[in-house]
PDB file of N, CA and C in Angstrom:
ATOM      1  N   MET A   1     -37.419 -23.869  -4.486  1.00  0.00           N
ATOM      2  CA  MET A   1     -36.026 -23.932  -4.329  1.00  0.00           C
ATOM      3  C   MET A   1     -35.783 -25.129  -2.992  1.00  0.00           C
ATOM      4  N   LYS A   2     -34.887 -25.861  -3.260  1.00  0.00           N
ATOM      5  CA  LYS A   2     -34.273 -27.193  -2.366  1.00  0.00           C
ATOM      6  C   LYS A   2     -32.936 -26.250  -1.885  1.00  0.00           C
ATOM      7  N   SER A   3     -32.340 -26.013  -0.895  1.00  0.00           N
ATOM      8  CA  SER A   3     -31.167 -25.506   0.004  1.00  0.00           C
ATOM      9  C   SER A   3     -29.785 -25.825  -0.785  1.00  0.00           C
ATOM     10  N   TRP A   4     -29.597 -26.950  -1.381  1.00  0.00           N
ATOM     11  CA  TRP A   4     -28.222 -26.987  -2.122  1.00  0.00           C
ATOM     12  C   TRP A   4     -28.825 -26.317  -3.475  1.00  0.00           C
ATOM     13  N   GLN A   5     -29.974 -25.665  -3.861  1.00  0.00           N
ATOM     14  CA  GLN A   5     -29.569 -24.702  -5.465  1.00  0.00           C
ATOM     15  C   GLN A   5     -29.853 -23.345  -4.799  1.00  0.00           C
ATOM     16  N   ILE A   6     -30.373 -23.063  -3.675  1.00  0.00           N
ATOM     17  CA  ILE A   6     -30.215 -21.936  -2.829  1.00  0.00           C
ATOM     18  C   ILE A   6     -28.648 -21.550  -2.792  1.00  0.00           C
ATOM     19  N   VAL A   7     -27.950 -22.499  -2.518  1.00  0.00           N
ATOM     20  CA  VAL A   7     -26.017 -22.165  -2.098  1.00  0.00           C
ATOM     21  C   VAL A   7     -25.795 -22.187  -3.219  1.00  0.00           C
ATOM     22  N   ARG A   8     -25.951 -22.710  -4.059  1.00  0.00           N
ATOM     23  CA  ARG A   8     -25.378 -22.461  -5.412  1.00  0.00           C
ATOM     24  C   ARG A   8     -25.869 -20.778  -6.059  1.00  0.00           C
ATOM     25  N   LEU A   9     -27.169 -20.650  -5.878  1.00  0.00           N
ATOM     26  CA  LEU A   9     -27.108 -19.157  -6.617  1.00  0.00           C
ATOM     27  C   LEU A   9     -26.696 -18.131  -5.693  1.00  0.00           C
ATOM     28  N   VAL A  10     -26.814 -18.212  -4.320  1.00  0.00           N
ATOM     29  CA  VAL A  10     -26.017 -17.366  -3.753  1.00  0.00           C
ATOM     30  C   VAL A  10     -24.505 -17.238  -3.959  1.00  0.00           C
ATOM     31  N   ALA A  11     -23.614 -18.570  -3.785  1.00  0.00           N
ATOM     32  CA  ALA A  11     -22.722 -18.284  -4.318  1.00  0.00           C
ATOM     33  C   ALA A  11     -21.898 -17.620  -5.768  1.00  0.00           C
ATOM     34  N   GLY A  12     -22.355 -18.299  -6.713  1.00  0.00           N
ATOM     35  CA  GLY A  12     -22.678 -17.544  -8.106  1.00  0.00           C
ATOM     36  C   GLY A  12     -22.731 -16.032  -8.387  1.00  0.00           C
ATOM     37  N   THR A  13     -23.703 -15.428  -7.221  1.00  0.00           N
ATOM     38  CA  THR A  13     -23.909 -14.260  -7.444  1.00  0.00           C
ATOM     39  C   THR A  13     -22.848 -13.262  -6.696  1.00  0.00           C
ATOM     40  N   PHE A  14     -22.379 -14.277  -5.553  1.00  0.00           N
ATOM     41  CA  PHE A  14     -21.298 -12.927  -5.036  1.00  0.00           C
ATOM     42  C   PHE A  14     -20.034 -13.252  -5.477  1.00  0.00           C
ATOM     43  N   ILE A  15     -19.640 -14.512  -6.494  1.00  0.00           N
ATOM     44  CA  ILE A  15     -18.481 -14.127  -7.392  1.00  0.00           C
ATOM     45  C   ILE A  15     -18.635 -13.355  -8.146  1.00  0.00           C
ATOM     46  N   LEU A  16     -19.890 -13.225  -8.822  1.00  0.00           N
ATOM     47  CA  LEU A  16     -20.261 -12.448 -10.409  1.00  0.00           C
ATOM     48  C   LEU A  16     -19.743 -10.892  -9.748  1.00  0.00           C
ATOM     49  N   LEU A  17     -20.344 -10.709  -8.560  1.00  0.00           N
ATOM     50  CA  LEU A  17     -20.911  -9.243  -7.994  1.00  0.00           C
ATOM     51  C   LEU A  17     -18.808  -9.283  -7.610  1.00  0.00           C
ATOM     52  N   SER A  18     -18.893  -9.703  -6.730  1.00  0.00           N
ATOM     53  CA  SER A  18     -17.371  -9.636  -6.303  1.00  0.00           C
ATOM     54  C   SER A  18     -16.476  -9.445  -7.562  1.00  0.00           C
ATOM     55  N   LEU A  19     -16.456 -10.570  -8.379  1.00  0.00           N
ATOM     56  CA  LEU A  19     -15.614  -9.361  -9.856  1.00  0.00           C
ATOM     57  C   LEU A  19     -15.982  -8.195 -10.185  1.00  0.00           C
ATOM     58  N   ALA A  20     -17.135  -8.002 -10.505  1.00  0.00           N
ATOM     59  CA  ALA A  20     -17.557  -6.813 -11.106  1.00  0.00           C
ATOM     60  C   ALA A  20     -16.782  -5.644  -9.789  1.00  0.00           C
ATOM     61  N   LEU A  21     -16.948  -6.118  -8.413  1.00  0.00           N
ATOM     62  CA  LEU A  21     -16.359  -4.794  -7.715  1.00  0.00           C
ATOM     63  C   LEU A  21     -14.642  -4.621  -8.097  1.00  0.00           C
ATOM     64  N   GLY A  22     -14.619  -5.943  -8.110  1.00  0.00           N
ATOM     65  CA  GLY A  22     -12.735  -5.970  -8.121  1.00  0.00           C
ATOM     66  C   GLY A  22     -12.169  -5.974  -9.066  1.00  0.00           C
ATOM     67  N   ILE A  23     -12.673  -6.109 -10.220  1.00  0.00           N
ATOM     68  CA  ILE A  23     -11.589  -5.802 -11.330  1.00  0.00           C
ATOM     69  C   ILE A  23     -11.613  -4.402 -12.228  1.00  0.00           C
ATOM     70  N   GLU A  24     -10.114  -3.795 -12.221  1.00  0.00           N
ATOM     71  CA  GLU A  24     -10.239  -2.295 -12.545  1.00  0.00           C
ATOM     72  C   GLU A  24     -11.200  -2.238 -13.796  1.00  0.00           C
ATOM     73  N   ASP A  25     -11.667  -2.486 -14.924  1.00  0.00           N
ATOM     74  CA  ASP A  25     -12.341  -2.410 -16.168  1.00  0.00           C
ATOM     75  C   ASP A  25     -13.702  -2.332 -16.204  1.00  0.00           C
ATOM     76  N   SER A  26     -14.045  -2.835 -15.034  1.00  0.00           N
ATOM     77  CA  SER A  26     -15.333  -2.884 -14.286  1.00  0.00           C
ATOM     78  C   SER A  26     -16.410  -1.174 -13.987  1.00  0.00           C
ATOM     79  N   PRO A  27     -17.462  -1.081 -14.609  1.00  0.00           N
ATOM     80  CA  PRO A  27     -17.742   0.093 -14.526  1.00  0.00           C
ATOM     81  C   PRO A  27     -18.312   0.340 -13.422  1.00  0.00           C
ATOM     82  N   ILE A  28     -18.561  -0.729 -11.975  1.00  0.00           N
ATOM     83  CA  ILE A  28     -19.022  -0.505 -10.613  1.00  0.00           C
ATOM     84  C   ILE A  28     -17.488  -1.064 -10.025  1.00  0.00           C
ATOM     85  N   PHE A  29     -16.111  -0.727 -10.360  1.00  0.00           N
ATOM     86  CA  PHE A  29     -15.284  -0.883  -9.870  1.00  0.00           C
ATOM     87  C   PHE A  29     -15.006  -0.189  -8.379  1.00  0.00           C
ATOM     88  N   VAL A  30     -14.765  -1.090  -7.019  1.00  0.00           N
ATOM     89  CA  VAL A  30     -14.475  -0.373  -6.141  1.00  0.00           C
ATOM     90  C   VAL A  30     -13.338  -0.039  -5.667  1.00  0.00           C
ATOM     91  N   SER A  31     -12.648  -1.540  -5.552  1.00  0.00           N
ATOM     92  CA  SER A  31     -11.091  -1.848  -4.783  1.00  0.00           C
ATOM     93  C   SER A  31     -10.683  -3.557  -5.261  1.00  0.00           C
ATOM     94  N   PRO A  32      -9.635  -3.781  -5.827  1.00  0.00           N
ATOM     95  CA  PRO A  32      -9.156  -5.015  -5.895  1.00  0.00           C
ATOM     96  C   PRO A  32      -8.921  -6.032  -4.758  1.00  0.00           C
ATOM     97  N   TRP A  33      -9.234  -5.361  -3.530  1.00  0.00           N
ATOM     98  CA  TRP A  33      -9.475  -6.000  -2.282  1.00  0.00           C
ATOM     99  C   TRP A  33     -10.913  -7.071  -2.451  1.00  0.00           C
ATOM    100  N   TRP A  34     -12.152  -6.915  -3.427  1.00  0.00           N
ATOM    101  CA  TRP A  34     -12.938  -7.414  -3.598  1.00  0.00           C
ATOM    102  C   TRP A  34     -12.225  -8.841  -4.222  1.00  0.00           C
ATOM    103  N   LEU A  35     -11.489  -9.209  -4.634  1.00  0.00           N
ATOM    104  CA  LEU A  35     -11.516 -10.625  -5.501  1.00  0.00           C
ATOM    105  C   LEU A  35     -10.643 -10.797  -4.084  1.00  0.00           C
ATOM    106  N   ALA A  36     -10.319 -10.988  -2.996  1.00  0.00           N
ATOM    107  CA  ALA A  36      -9.986 -11.641  -2.304  1.00  0.00           C
ATOM    108  C   ALA A  36     -11.835 -12.437  -1.412  1.00  0.00           C
ATOM    109  N   PHE A  37     -12.855 -11.709  -1.695  1.00  0.00           N
ATOM    110  CA  PHE A  37     -13.794 -12.132  -1.502  1.00  0.00           C
ATOM    111  C   PHE A  37     -14.385 -13.702  -2.159  1.00  0.00           C
ATOM    112  N   THR A  38     -13.828 -13.631  -3.733  1.00  0.00           N
ATOM    113  CA  THR A  38     -14.244 -14.143  -4.737  1.00  0.00           C
ATOM    114  C   THR A  38     -13.301 -15.553  -3.792  1.00  0.00           C
ATOM    115  N   ALA A  39     -12.041 -15.237  -3.595  1.00  0.00           N
ATOM    116  CA  ALA A  39     -11.505 -16.541  -3.303  1.00  0.00           C
ATOM    117  C   ALA A  39     -11.989 -17.196  -2.371  1.00  0.00           C
ATOM    118  N   PHE A  40     -12.746 -16.374  -1.205  1.00  0.00           N
ATOM    119  CA  PHE A  40     -13.501 -16.831  -0.234  1.00  0.00           C
ATOM    120  C   PHE A  40     -14.449 -17.795  -0.563  1.00  0.00           C
ATOM    121  N   VAL A  41     -15.200 -17.436  -1.315  1.00  0.00           N
ATOM    122  CA  VAL A  41     -15.872 -17.957  -2.080  1.00  0.00           C
ATOM    123  C   VAL A  41     -15.776 -19.272  -2.849  1.00  0.00           C
ATOM    124  N   GLY A  42     -14.911 -19.057  -3.192  1.00  0.00           N
ATOM    125  CA  GLY A  42     -14.058 -20.222  -4.132  1.00  0.00           C
ATOM    126  C   GLY A  42     -13.995 -21.513  -3.153  1.00  0.00           C
ATOM    127  N   ALA A  43     -13.012 -21.101  -2.142  1.00  0.00           N
ATOM    128  CA  ALA A  43     -12.390 -21.701  -1.062  1.00  0.00           C
ATOM    129  C   ALA A  43     -13.401 -22.528  -0.638  1.00  0.00           C
ATOM    130  N   ASN A  44     -14.496 -21.743  -0.113  1.00  0.00           N
ATOM    131  CA  ASN A  44     -15.781 -22.461   1.051  1.00  0.00           C
ATOM    132  C   ASN A  44     -16.449 -23.498   0.200  1.00  0.00           C
ATOM    133  N   LEU A  45     -16.772 -22.957  -1.749  1.00  0.00           N
ATOM    134  CA  LEU A  45     -17.136 -24.590  -2.476  1.00  0.00           C
ATOM    135  C   LEU A  45     -16.123 -25.322  -2.181  1.00  0.00           C
ATOM    136  N   LEU A  46     -14.881 -25.077  -2.662  1.00  0.00           N
ATOM    137  CA  LEU A  46     -14.325 -26.481  -2.522  1.00  0.00           C
ATOM    138  C   LEU A  46     -14.209 -27.093  -0.866  1.00  0.00           C
ATOM    139  N   GLN A  47     -13.884 -26.513   0.142  1.00  0.00           N
ATOM    140  CA  GLN A  47     -14.374 -27.185   1.197  1.00  0.00           C
ATOM    141  C   GLN A  47     -15.784 -27.927   1.125  1.00  0.00           C
ATOM    142  N   SER A  48     -16.717 -27.446   1.104  1.00  0.00           N
ATOM    143  CA  SER A  48     -17.790 -28.564   0.918  1.00  0.00           C
ATOM    144  C   SER A  48     -18.164 -29.428   0.039  1.00  0.00           C
ATOM    145  N   ALA A  49     -17.239 -29.303  -0.745  1.00  0.00           N
ATOM    146  CA  ALA A  49     -17.423 -30.355  -2.207  1.00  0.00           C
ATOM    147  C   ALA A  49     -16.028 -31.460  -1.270  1.00  0.00           C
ATOM    148  N   LEU A  50     -15.351 -30.983  -0.618  1.00  0.00           N
ATOM    149  CA  LEU A  50     -14.400 -32.006   0.169  1.00  0.00           C
ATOM    150  C   LEU A  50     -15.042 -33.165   1.252  1.00  0.00           C
ATOM    151  N   THR A  51     -15.446 -32.087   2.373  1.00  0.00           N
ATOM    152  CA  THR A  51     -16.127 -32.474   3.624  1.00  0.00           C
ATOM    153  C   THR A  51     -17.810 -32.894   2.983  1.00  0.00           C
ATOM    154  N   LYS A  52     -18.297 -32.556   2.159  1.00  0.00           N
ATOM    155  CA  LYS A  52     -19.683 -32.894   2.089  1.00  0.00           C
ATOM    156  C   LYS A  52     -20.514 -32.085   3.505  1.00  0.00           C
ATOM    157  N   TRP A  53     -19.855 -30.965   3.771  1.00  0.00           N
ATOM    158  CA  TRP A  53     -20.383 -30.114   4.665  1.00  0.00           C
ATOM    159  C   TRP A  53     -20.884 -28.717   4.832  1.00  0.00           C
ATOM    160  N   CYS A  54     -21.727 -27.808   4.303  1.00  0.00           N
ATOM    161  CA  CYS A  54     -21.896 -26.566   3.993  1.00  0.00           C
ATOM    162  C   CYS A  54     -22.776 -25.875   5.027  1.00  0.00           C
ATOM    163  N   LEU A  55     -22.206 -24.865   5.593  1.00  0.00           N
ATOM    164  CA  LEU A  55     -22.985 -23.751   6.688  1.00  0.00           C
ATOM    165  C   LEU A  55     -23.902 -23.193   6.345  1.00  0.00           C
ATOM    166  N   MET A  56     -23.801 -22.992   5.377  1.00  0.00           N
ATOM    167  CA  MET A  56     -25.097 -22.132   4.584  1.00  0.00           C
ATOM    168  C   MET A  56     -26.573 -23.023   4.286  1.00  0.00           C
ATOM    169  N   GLU A  57     -26.190 -24.504   3.981  1.00  0.00           N
ATOM    170  CA  GLU A  57     -27.098 -25.019   3.876  1.00  0.00           C
ATOM    171  C   GLU A  57     -27.718 -25.666   5.185  1.00  0.00           C
ATOM    172  N   SER A  58     -26.970 -25.746   6.349  1.00  0.00           N
ATOM    173  CA  SER A  58     -27.354 -26.165   7.255  1.00  0.00           C
ATOM    174  C   SER A  58     -27.983 -25.211   7.553  1.00  0.00           C
ATOM    175  N   ILE A  59     -27.792 -23.615   7.671  1.00  0.00           N
ATOM    176  CA  ILE A  59     -28.625 -22.627   7.974  1.00  0.00           C
ATOM    177  C   ILE A  59     -30.014 -22.344   7.446  1.00  0.00           C
ATOM    178  N   LEU A  60     -29.927 -22.909   6.163  1.00  0.00           N
ATOM    179  CA  LEU A  60     -31.420 -22.487   5.166  1.00  0.00           C
ATOM    180  C   LEU A  60     -32.559 -24.046   5.543  1.00  0.00           C
ATOM    181  N   ARG A  61     -31.773 -25.207   5.963  1.00  0.00           N
ATOM    182  CA  ARG A  61     -32.655 -26.337   6.226  1.00  0.00           C
ATOM    183  C   ARG A  61     -33.065 -26.286   7.653  1.00  0.00           C
ATOM    184  N   LYS A  62     -32.247 -25.377   8.493  1.00  0.00           N
ATOM    185  CA  LYS A  62     -32.689 -25.066   9.887  1.00  0.00           C
ATOM    186  C   LYS A  62     -34.106 -23.904   9.770  1.00  0.00           C
ATOM    187  N   LEU A  63     -33.679 -23.247   8.872  1.00  0.00           N
ATOM    188  CA  LEU A  63     -34.906 -21.692   8.525  1.00  0.00           C
ATOM    189  C   LEU A  63     -35.978 -22.606   7.648  1.00  0.00           C
ATOM    190  N   GLY A  64     -36.352 -24.034   7.604  1.00  0.00           N
ATOM    191  CA  GLY A  64     -36.881 -25.097   6.361  1.00  0.00           C
ATOM    192  C   GLY A  64     -37.267 -24.761   5.352  1.00  0.00           C
ATOM    193  N   VAL A  65     -36.105 -24.805   4.543  1.00  0.00           N
ATOM    194  CA  VAL A  65     -35.788 -24.840   3.421  1.00  0.00           C
ATOM    195  C   VAL A  65     -35.578 -26.299   3.029  1.00  0.00           C
ATOM    196  N   GLN A  66     -36.052 -26.924   2.263  1.00  0.00           N
ATOM    197  CA  GLN A  66     -36.205 -27.936   1.669  1.00  0.00           C
ATOM    198  C   GLN A  66     -34.788 -28.797   1.144  1.00  0.00           C
ATOM    199  N   SER A  67     -34.253 -29.499   1.803  1.00  0.00           N
ATOM    200  CA  SER A  67     -32.840 -30.197   1.111  1.00  0.00           C
ATOM    201  C   SER A  67     -33.272 -31.548   0.195  1.00  0.00           C
ATOM    202  N   GLY A  68     -32.176 -31.760  -0.643  1.00  0.00           N
ATOM    203  CA  GLY A  68     -32.406 -33.216  -1.410  1.00  0.00           C
ATOM    204  C   GLY A  68     -32.523 -33.025  -2.579  1.00  0.00           C
ATOM    205  N   CYS A  69     -32.570 -34.027  -4.195  1.00  0.00           N
ATOM    206  CA  CYS A  69     -32.081 -33.084  -5.356  1.00  0.00           C
ATOM    207  C   CYS A  69     -32.973 -32.346  -5.875  1.00  0.00           C
TER     208      CYS A  69
END
């Protein structure tokens, strides 16, 4: 997998998991504060789209993960 694919995979996983933990009707509900984590991930995705820089992608590249299309 390329670094951009891993970033999207992790972001999608975090969003779905935090929604499951933050919505009261979910069988694994913990606290509505998990929805703040969903907003944080969304804000980071928005920031990376506007600035064309993503910290996680930079870290993955330093770990040797291939970047590119």
